[in-house]
Amino acid sequence: MRSRRWSFIPSACITKNRIAGFEMASRETLNSSLIHPRVVFRSTLLTNPHAIILAHNHPSGETVPSNADKRVTEIRVEAGKLLSIAVAELVIIGNT
């Protein structure tokens, strides 16, 4: 079932990109959420990852990254560099 609310889930990765865990970081309005980079990396730091996968849904069903998606991802990539944690992938979940 498609979510009508915007949700963001960072996933922690370990060696060979096996997912070590994930946590819902935000569930906000119909079309957006403001997530500070420290919230994105907070839970992932506990698993000592070398990289993270960023995932969120688009309630509209569209899977093409918006300009806002691209900008926010750039900010998270820069934050990850400070922590030596790569952003391995941005996954946008839409209608299937």
Foldseek 3Di string as FASTA:
>chain_A
DFDQWKWKKKFAAAPPRDTPDIDTLDTDHRADDDDDLCSNCVVNVVVVGQEMEIEMEGSVQDFDDDPVNVVVVVVNQVVCVVVNYHHPYYGYGGDD
